Amino acid sequence: MAAQGMNTAITSAGALAERLAGHLERTGEMSAAAVDGALRDYHDRQLPLLAQAATTSGNAARMVTDLSWRGRVLGRRAVRHTGANPRLLHTVTHNMSGLGPRPLTLLDRLQQLGLLPDPRAHRVPAAPAGRPQPM
């Protein structure tokens, strides 16, 4: 959560660069109309991703700052089990960074709370096509 602003700034800069490059390839010039089109495309693509990242981050912040006994117990448990599960940790980090939503299923949530074992815990999802693999 602490680096969400930096993550979204980096992913947003990359998305804007992709949109500008696409319009430049199609039009052959960097005109005001091409920049305006790229900005519209960027806005249409990024706004839902940023809204989802903000919602995910807000939910995570609420989970770790809830003052009720139930919230503290569930929040600590979820953080502990998510941190110990590379697959879930990757998915949650991906969602909070603004790269796009990868929703957690009910099964994921039960594994996140440590109520069910996760046989896929060490299978980190592959990067989508067109995205660089992490080092």
N, C-alpha and C. Protein backbone atom coordinates (compact mmCIF):
# COMPACT_ATOMS: atom_id res chain seq x y z
N MET A 1 0.82 -1.19 0.00
CA MET A 1 0.00 0.00 0.00
C MET A 1 0.86 1.25 0.00
N ALA A 2 2.01 1.18 0.63
CA ALA A 2 2.86 2.36 0.76
C ALA A 2 3.38 2.83 -0.58
N ALA A 3 3.59 1.95 -1.52
CA ALA A 3 4.16 2.33 -2.82
C ALA A 3 3.11 2.39 -3.92
N GLN A 4 1.84 2.39 -3.57
CA GLN A 4 0.81 2.37 -4.61
C GLN A 4 0.92 3.58 -5.53
N GLY A 5 1.19 4.76 -4.99
CA GLY A 5 1.32 5.94 -5.84
C GLY A 5 2.46 5.81 -6.83
N MET A 6 3.59 5.29 -6.38
CA MET A 6 4.73 5.11 -7.28
C MET A 6 4.42 4.03 -8.31
N ASN A 7 3.82 2.94 -7.88
CA ASN A 7 3.47 1.87 -8.82
C ASN A 7 2.53 2.37 -9.90
N THR A 8 1.48 3.08 -9.50
CA THR A 8 0.52 3.55 -10.49
C THR A 8 1.14 4.62 -11.38
N ALA A 9 2.05 5.43 -10.86
CA ALA A 9 2.73 6.42 -11.70
C ALA A 9 3.55 5.72 -12.78
N ILE A 10 4.25 4.67 -12.39
CA ILE A 10 5.09 3.94 -13.35
C ILE A 10 4.23 3.23 -14.39
N THR A 11 3.20 2.51 -13.95
CA THR A 11 2.35 1.80 -14.90
C THR A 11 1.56 2.77 -15.77
N SER A 12 1.17 3.91 -15.22
CA SER A 12 0.45 4.91 -16.01
C SER A 12 1.35 5.54 -17.06
N ALA A 13 2.61 5.81 -16.70
CA ALA A 13 3.56 6.37 -17.68
C ALA A 13 3.77 5.38 -18.82
N GLY A 14 3.90 4.11 -18.49
CA GLY A 14 4.06 3.09 -19.53
C GLY A 14 2.84 2.99 -20.42
N ALA A 15 1.65 3.06 -19.82
CA ALA A 15 0.42 2.98 -20.61
C ALA A 15 0.28 4.19 -21.53
N LEU A 16 0.62 5.37 -21.03
CA LEU A 16 0.55 6.57 -21.87
C LEU A 16 1.56 6.49 -23.01
N ALA A 17 2.76 6.01 -22.72
CA ALA A 17 3.77 5.86 -23.77
C ALA A 17 3.29 4.89 -24.85
N GLU A 18 2.65 3.79 -24.44
CA GLU A 18 2.11 2.82 -25.41
C GLU A 18 1.05 3.47 -26.29
N ARG A 19 0.18 4.26 -25.69
CA ARG A 19 -0.89 4.92 -26.45
C ARG A 19 -0.31 5.94 -27.43
N LEU A 20 0.67 6.73 -26.96
CA LEU A 20 1.30 7.72 -27.84
C LEU A 20 2.02 7.03 -29.00
N ALA A 21 2.74 5.95 -28.71
CA ALA A 21 3.45 5.22 -29.76
C ALA A 21 2.47 4.63 -30.78
N GLY A 22 1.35 4.11 -30.31
CA GLY A 22 0.35 3.55 -31.21
C GLY A 22 -0.23 4.60 -32.14
N HIS A 23 -0.54 5.77 -31.58
CA HIS A 23 -1.08 6.84 -32.43
C HIS A 23 -0.01 7.36 -33.39
N LEU A 24 1.22 7.42 -32.96
CA LEU A 24 2.31 7.86 -33.82
C LEU A 24 2.49 6.89 -34.99
N GLU A 25 2.42 5.59 -34.70
CA GLU A 25 2.54 4.58 -35.77
C GLU A 25 1.40 4.70 -36.77
N ARG A 26 0.18 4.93 -36.27
CA ARG A 26 -0.98 5.00 -37.17
C ARG A 26 -1.00 6.27 -38.01
N THR A 27 -0.62 7.39 -37.41
CA THR A 27 -0.72 8.67 -38.12
C THR A 27 0.58 9.10 -38.77
N GLY A 28 1.70 8.59 -38.28
CA GLY A 28 2.99 8.96 -38.84
C GLY A 28 3.53 10.29 -38.35
N GLU A 29 2.78 10.97 -37.50
CA GLU A 29 3.25 12.25 -36.97
C GLU A 29 2.70 12.45 -35.56
N MET A 30 3.36 13.33 -34.83
CA MET A 30 2.92 13.62 -33.47
C MET A 30 2.15 14.94 -33.50
N SER A 31 0.95 14.89 -34.03
CA SER A 31 0.11 16.08 -34.13
C SER A 31 -0.72 16.24 -32.86
N ALA A 32 -1.34 17.39 -32.73
CA ALA A 32 -2.23 17.63 -31.58
C ALA A 32 -3.37 16.62 -31.58
N ALA A 33 -3.89 16.29 -32.75
CA ALA A 33 -4.98 15.31 -32.83
C ALA A 33 -4.52 13.93 -32.37
N ALA A 34 -3.29 13.55 -32.74
CA ALA A 34 -2.76 12.25 -32.32
C ALA A 34 -2.57 12.20 -30.81
N VAL A 35 -2.06 13.29 -30.24
CA VAL A 35 -1.86 13.35 -28.78
C VAL A 35 -3.21 13.31 -28.08
N ASP A 36 -4.18 14.07 -28.59
CA ASP A 36 -5.52 14.05 -27.99
C ASP A 36 -6.13 12.66 -28.04
N GLY A 37 -5.97 11.97 -29.16
CA GLY A 37 -6.49 10.60 -29.28
C GLY A 37 -5.81 9.65 -28.31
N ALA A 38 -4.49 9.80 -28.19
CA ALA A 38 -3.74 8.94 -27.26
C ALA A 38 -4.19 9.21 -25.82
N LEU A 39 -4.40 10.46 -25.48
CA LEU A 39 -4.86 10.79 -24.12
C LEU A 39 -6.25 10.23 -23.85
N ARG A 40 -7.14 10.29 -24.84
CA ARG A 40 -8.48 9.70 -24.66
C ARG A 40 -8.37 8.18 -24.45
N ASP A 41 -7.56 7.52 -25.28
CA ASP A 41 -7.37 6.07 -25.13
C ASP A 41 -6.77 5.74 -23.77
N TYR A 42 -5.78 6.52 -23.38
CA TYR A 42 -5.13 6.33 -22.07
C TYR A 42 -6.16 6.46 -20.95
N HIS A 43 -6.95 7.51 -20.99
CA HIS A 43 -7.97 7.74 -19.96
C HIS A 43 -8.96 6.57 -19.90
N ASP A 44 -9.45 6.15 -21.06
CA ASP A 44 -10.43 5.06 -21.10
C ASP A 44 -9.87 3.76 -20.56
N ARG A 45 -8.57 3.51 -20.78
CA ARG A 45 -7.95 2.26 -20.31
C ARG A 45 -7.54 2.35 -18.85
N GLN A 46 -6.94 3.46 -18.46
CA GLN A 46 -6.35 3.55 -17.13
C GLN A 46 -7.36 3.83 -16.01
N LEU A 47 -8.40 4.58 -16.29
CA LEU A 47 -9.32 4.95 -15.22
C LEU A 47 -9.90 3.73 -14.49
N PRO A 48 -10.41 2.73 -15.20
CA PRO A 48 -10.92 1.55 -14.47
C PRO A 48 -9.82 0.80 -13.71
N LEU A 49 -8.62 0.74 -14.27
CA LEU A 49 -7.52 0.05 -13.58
C LEU A 49 -7.13 0.78 -12.30
N LEU A 50 -7.06 2.10 -12.38
CA LEU A 50 -6.70 2.88 -11.20
C LEU A 50 -7.79 2.83 -10.14
N ALA A 51 -9.04 2.84 -10.56
CA ALA A 51 -10.15 2.73 -9.61
C ALA A 51 -10.10 1.38 -8.90
N GLN A 52 -9.83 0.32 -9.64
CA GLN A 52 -9.73 -1.01 -9.05
C GLN A 52 -8.56 -1.09 -8.08
N ALA A 53 -7.42 -0.52 -8.45
CA ALA A 53 -6.25 -0.53 -7.57
C ALA A 53 -6.54 0.24 -6.29
N ALA A 54 -7.23 1.36 -6.40
CA ALA A 54 -7.57 2.15 -5.22
C ALA A 54 -8.52 1.39 -4.31
N THR A 55 -9.49 0.70 -4.89
CA THR A 55 -10.44 -0.10 -4.10
C THR A 55 -9.71 -1.23 -3.39
N THR A 56 -8.83 -1.93 -4.11
CA THR A 56 -8.07 -3.03 -3.51
C THR A 56 -7.19 -2.52 -2.37
N SER A 57 -6.52 -1.40 -2.60
CA SER A 57 -5.65 -0.85 -1.58
C SER A 57 -6.45 -0.38 -0.37
N GLY A 58 -7.60 0.24 -0.62
CA GLY A 58 -8.46 0.67 0.48
C GLY A 58 -8.94 -0.50 1.31
N ASN A 59 -9.33 -1.57 0.64
CA ASN A 59 -9.77 -2.78 1.36
C ASN A 59 -8.63 -3.37 2.18
N ALA A 60 -7.43 -3.39 1.59
CA ALA A 60 -6.27 -3.92 2.32
C ALA A 60 -5.94 -3.05 3.52
N ALA A 61 -6.00 -1.74 3.35
CA ALA A 61 -5.72 -0.83 4.47
C ALA A 61 -6.74 -1.03 5.58
N ARG A 62 -8.00 -1.16 5.21
CA ARG A 62 -9.04 -1.38 6.21
C ARG A 62 -8.82 -2.72 6.93
N MET A 63 -8.36 -3.71 6.17
CA MET A 63 -8.14 -5.04 6.76
C MET A 63 -7.07 -4.99 7.85
N VAL A 64 -6.01 -4.20 7.65
CA VAL A 64 -4.92 -4.20 8.63
C VAL A 64 -5.07 -3.11 9.69
N THR A 65 -6.07 -2.24 9.55
CA THR A 65 -6.25 -1.18 10.55
C THR A 65 -7.56 -1.30 11.31
N ASP A 66 -8.35 -2.32 11.01
CA ASP A 66 -9.64 -2.51 11.71
C ASP A 66 -9.36 -2.69 13.20
N LEU A 67 -10.09 -1.95 14.03
CA LEU A 67 -9.85 -1.99 15.47
C LEU A 67 -10.71 -3.00 16.22
N SER A 68 -11.71 -3.59 15.54
CA SER A 68 -12.52 -4.58 16.22
C SER A 68 -11.69 -5.85 16.42
N TRP A 69 -12.03 -6.65 17.41
CA TRP A 69 -11.25 -7.87 17.66
C TRP A 69 -11.34 -8.80 16.47
N ARG A 70 -12.52 -8.91 15.85
CA ARG A 70 -12.70 -9.80 14.70
C ARG A 70 -11.85 -9.30 13.52
N GLY A 71 -11.86 -7.98 13.29
CA GLY A 71 -11.07 -7.41 12.21
C GLY A 71 -9.58 -7.60 12.41
N ARG A 72 -9.12 -7.43 13.65
CA ARG A 72 -7.70 -7.63 13.93
C ARG A 72 -7.28 -9.07 13.70
N VAL A 73 -8.10 -10.00 14.19
CA VAL A 73 -7.76 -11.43 14.04
C VAL A 73 -7.75 -11.82 12.56
N LEU A 74 -8.82 -11.47 11.84
CA LEU A 74 -8.90 -11.85 10.43
C LEU A 74 -7.83 -11.13 9.60
N GLY A 75 -7.61 -9.85 9.89
CA GLY A 75 -6.61 -9.09 9.14
C GLY A 75 -5.21 -9.65 9.32
N ARG A 76 -4.82 -9.90 10.55
CA ARG A 76 -3.48 -10.45 10.81
C ARG A 76 -3.32 -11.82 10.17
N ARG A 77 -4.36 -12.62 10.28
CA ARG A 77 -4.31 -13.97 9.71
C ARG A 77 -4.18 -13.90 8.18
N ALA A 78 -4.97 -13.03 7.57
CA ALA A 78 -4.91 -12.89 6.10
C ALA A 78 -3.55 -12.38 5.65
N VAL A 79 -3.00 -11.40 6.35
CA VAL A 79 -1.69 -10.87 5.98
C VAL A 79 -0.62 -11.96 6.13
N ARG A 80 -0.66 -12.69 7.21
CA ARG A 80 0.33 -13.75 7.45
C ARG A 80 0.27 -14.82 6.37
N HIS A 81 -0.94 -15.30 6.06
CA HIS A 81 -1.07 -16.38 5.08
C HIS A 81 -0.84 -15.89 3.65
N THR A 82 -1.20 -14.67 3.35
CA THR A 82 -0.94 -14.12 2.02
C THR A 82 0.56 -13.97 1.81
N GLY A 83 1.27 -13.46 2.82
CA GLY A 83 2.71 -13.29 2.72
C GLY A 83 3.47 -14.60 2.58
N ALA A 84 2.89 -15.67 3.09
CA ALA A 84 3.54 -16.98 3.03
C ALA A 84 3.17 -17.76 1.76
N ASN A 85 2.31 -17.20 0.93
CA ASN A 85 1.83 -17.88 -0.27
C ASN A 85 2.24 -17.06 -1.50
N PRO A 86 3.29 -17.47 -2.22
CA PRO A 86 3.77 -16.68 -3.36
C PRO A 86 2.70 -16.39 -4.42
N ARG A 87 1.81 -17.34 -4.67
CA ARG A 87 0.77 -17.13 -5.68
C ARG A 87 -0.19 -16.03 -5.25
N LEU A 88 -0.68 -16.11 -4.02
CA LEU A 88 -1.61 -15.09 -3.53
C LEU A 88 -0.90 -13.74 -3.37
N LEU A 89 0.32 -13.76 -2.90
CA LEU A 89 1.07 -12.52 -2.73
C LEU A 89 1.26 -11.83 -4.08
N HIS A 90 1.60 -12.60 -5.10
CA HIS A 90 1.77 -12.05 -6.44
C HIS A 90 0.45 -11.45 -6.95
N THR A 91 -0.64 -12.16 -6.75
CA THR A 91 -1.94 -11.68 -7.23
C THR A 91 -2.36 -10.40 -6.52
N VAL A 92 -2.22 -10.36 -5.21
CA VAL A 92 -2.59 -9.18 -4.44
C VAL A 92 -1.70 -8.00 -4.83
N THR A 93 -0.41 -8.23 -4.98
CA THR A 93 0.52 -7.17 -5.37
C THR A 93 0.18 -6.65 -6.77
N HIS A 94 -0.13 -7.56 -7.67
CA HIS A 94 -0.53 -7.19 -9.03
C HIS A 94 -1.76 -6.29 -8.99
N ASN A 95 -2.74 -6.67 -8.20
CA ASN A 95 -3.98 -5.88 -8.11
C ASN A 95 -3.73 -4.50 -7.51
N MET A 96 -2.91 -4.42 -6.50
CA MET A 96 -2.66 -3.14 -5.82
C MET A 96 -1.76 -2.22 -6.63
N SER A 97 -0.99 -2.77 -7.57
CA SER A 97 -0.05 -1.95 -8.33
C SER A 97 -0.70 -1.21 -9.48
N GLY A 98 -1.93 -1.57 -9.82
CA GLY A 98 -2.59 -0.90 -10.93
C GLY A 98 -2.36 -1.56 -12.28
N LEU A 99 -1.82 -2.77 -12.28
CA LEU A 99 -1.59 -3.48 -13.54
C LEU A 99 -2.86 -4.09 -14.11
N GLY A 100 -3.90 -4.16 -13.33
CA GLY A 100 -5.16 -4.73 -13.79
C GLY A 100 -5.68 -5.71 -12.76
N PRO A 101 -6.97 -5.94 -12.78
CA PRO A 101 -7.55 -6.80 -11.76
C PRO A 101 -7.34 -8.29 -12.05
N ARG A 102 -6.97 -9.00 -11.02
CA ARG A 102 -6.97 -10.47 -11.01
C ARG A 102 -7.75 -10.84 -9.76
N PRO A 103 -9.07 -10.93 -9.89
CA PRO A 103 -9.91 -11.13 -8.70
C PRO A 103 -9.57 -12.41 -7.94
N LEU A 104 -9.68 -12.32 -6.62
CA LEU A 104 -9.51 -13.50 -5.78
C LEU A 104 -10.85 -14.21 -5.69
N THR A 105 -10.81 -15.52 -5.85
CA THR A 105 -12.02 -16.33 -5.76
C THR A 105 -12.33 -16.63 -4.29
N LEU A 106 -13.48 -17.22 -4.05
CA LEU A 106 -13.82 -17.65 -2.69
C LEU A 106 -12.78 -18.65 -2.18
N LEU A 107 -12.34 -19.55 -3.03
CA LEU A 107 -11.30 -20.51 -2.64
C LEU A 107 -10.01 -19.78 -2.27
N ASP A 108 -9.63 -18.77 -3.07
CA ASP A 108 -8.44 -17.96 -2.74
C ASP A 108 -8.60 -17.30 -1.37
N ARG A 109 -9.77 -16.76 -1.10
CA ARG A 109 -10.01 -16.09 0.19
C ARG A 109 -9.89 -17.07 1.36
N LEU A 110 -10.41 -18.28 1.19
CA LEU A 110 -10.29 -19.29 2.24
C LEU A 110 -8.83 -19.69 2.45
N GLN A 111 -8.07 -19.76 1.36
CA GLN A 111 -6.64 -20.06 1.47
C GLN A 111 -5.89 -18.88 2.06
N GLN A 112 -6.33 -17.68 1.75
CA GLN A 112 -5.72 -16.48 2.28
C GLN A 112 -5.87 -16.42 3.80
N LEU A 113 -6.97 -16.95 4.31
CA LEU A 113 -7.19 -16.98 5.75
C LEU A 113 -6.58 -18.22 6.41
N GLY A 114 -6.00 -19.10 5.59
CA GLY A 114 -5.39 -20.31 6.13
C GLY A 114 -6.39 -21.38 6.50
N LEU A 115 -7.62 -21.26 6.01
CA LEU A 115 -8.65 -22.25 6.33
C LEU A 115 -8.57 -23.48 5.43
N LEU A 116 -7.94 -23.32 4.27
CA LEU A 116 -7.73 -24.44 3.34
C LEU A 116 -6.30 -24.39 2.83
N PRO A 117 -5.70 -25.56 2.60
CA PRO A 117 -4.34 -25.56 2.02
C PRO A 117 -4.40 -25.12 0.56
N ASP A 118 -3.30 -24.60 0.06
CA ASP A 118 -3.23 -24.18 -1.34
C ASP A 118 -2.16 -24.98 -2.05
N PRO A 119 -2.56 -26.01 -2.81
CA PRO A 119 -1.57 -26.82 -3.51
C PRO A 119 -0.88 -26.03 -4.64
N ARG A 120 -1.44 -24.88 -5.03
CA ARG A 120 -0.85 -24.07 -6.10
C ARG A 120 -0.04 -22.90 -5.53
N ALA A 121 0.25 -22.91 -4.26
CA ALA A 121 0.87 -21.76 -3.59
C ALA A 121 2.18 -21.32 -4.25
N HIS A 122 2.93 -22.24 -4.82
CA HIS A 122 4.23 -21.87 -5.39
C HIS A 122 4.17 -21.66 -6.90
N ARG A 123 2.96 -21.63 -7.47
CA ARG A 123 2.80 -21.36 -8.90
C ARG A 123 2.44 -19.89 -9.09
N VAL A 124 3.42 -19.07 -9.30
CA VAL A 124 3.20 -17.64 -9.52
C VAL A 124 2.67 -17.47 -10.94
N PRO A 125 1.59 -16.70 -11.11
CA PRO A 125 1.02 -16.52 -12.46
C PRO A 125 2.02 -15.89 -13.42
N ALA A 126 1.94 -16.30 -14.68
CA ALA A 126 2.82 -15.75 -15.71
C ALA A 126 2.36 -14.34 -16.07
N ALA A 127 3.30 -13.54 -16.53
CA ALA A 127 2.96 -12.20 -16.99
C ALA A 127 2.12 -12.29 -18.25
N PRO A 128 1.14 -11.40 -18.43
CA PRO A 128 0.34 -11.41 -19.65
C PRO A 128 1.22 -11.12 -20.86
N ALA A 129 0.76 -11.52 -22.03
CA ALA A 129 1.51 -11.27 -23.27
C ALA A 129 1.75 -9.77 -23.42
N GLY A 130 2.94 -9.42 -23.83
CA GLY A 130 3.27 -8.02 -24.03
C GLY A 130 3.84 -7.34 -22.79
N ARG A 131 3.83 -8.02 -21.67
CA ARG A 131 4.38 -7.45 -20.43
C ARG A 131 5.70 -8.14 -20.14
N PRO A 132 6.70 -7.39 -19.71
CA PRO A 132 7.98 -8.03 -19.36
C PRO A 132 7.86 -8.87 -18.11
N GLN A 133 8.62 -9.94 -18.07
CA GLN A 133 8.68 -10.78 -16.89
C GLN A 133 9.51 -10.08 -15.82
N PRO A 134 9.15 -10.23 -14.55
CA PRO A 134 9.98 -9.62 -13.50
C PRO A 134 11.33 -10.32 -13.42
N MET A 135 12.33 -9.56 -12.99
CA MET A 135 13.68 -10.13 -12.88
C MET A 135 13.83 -10.89 -11.61
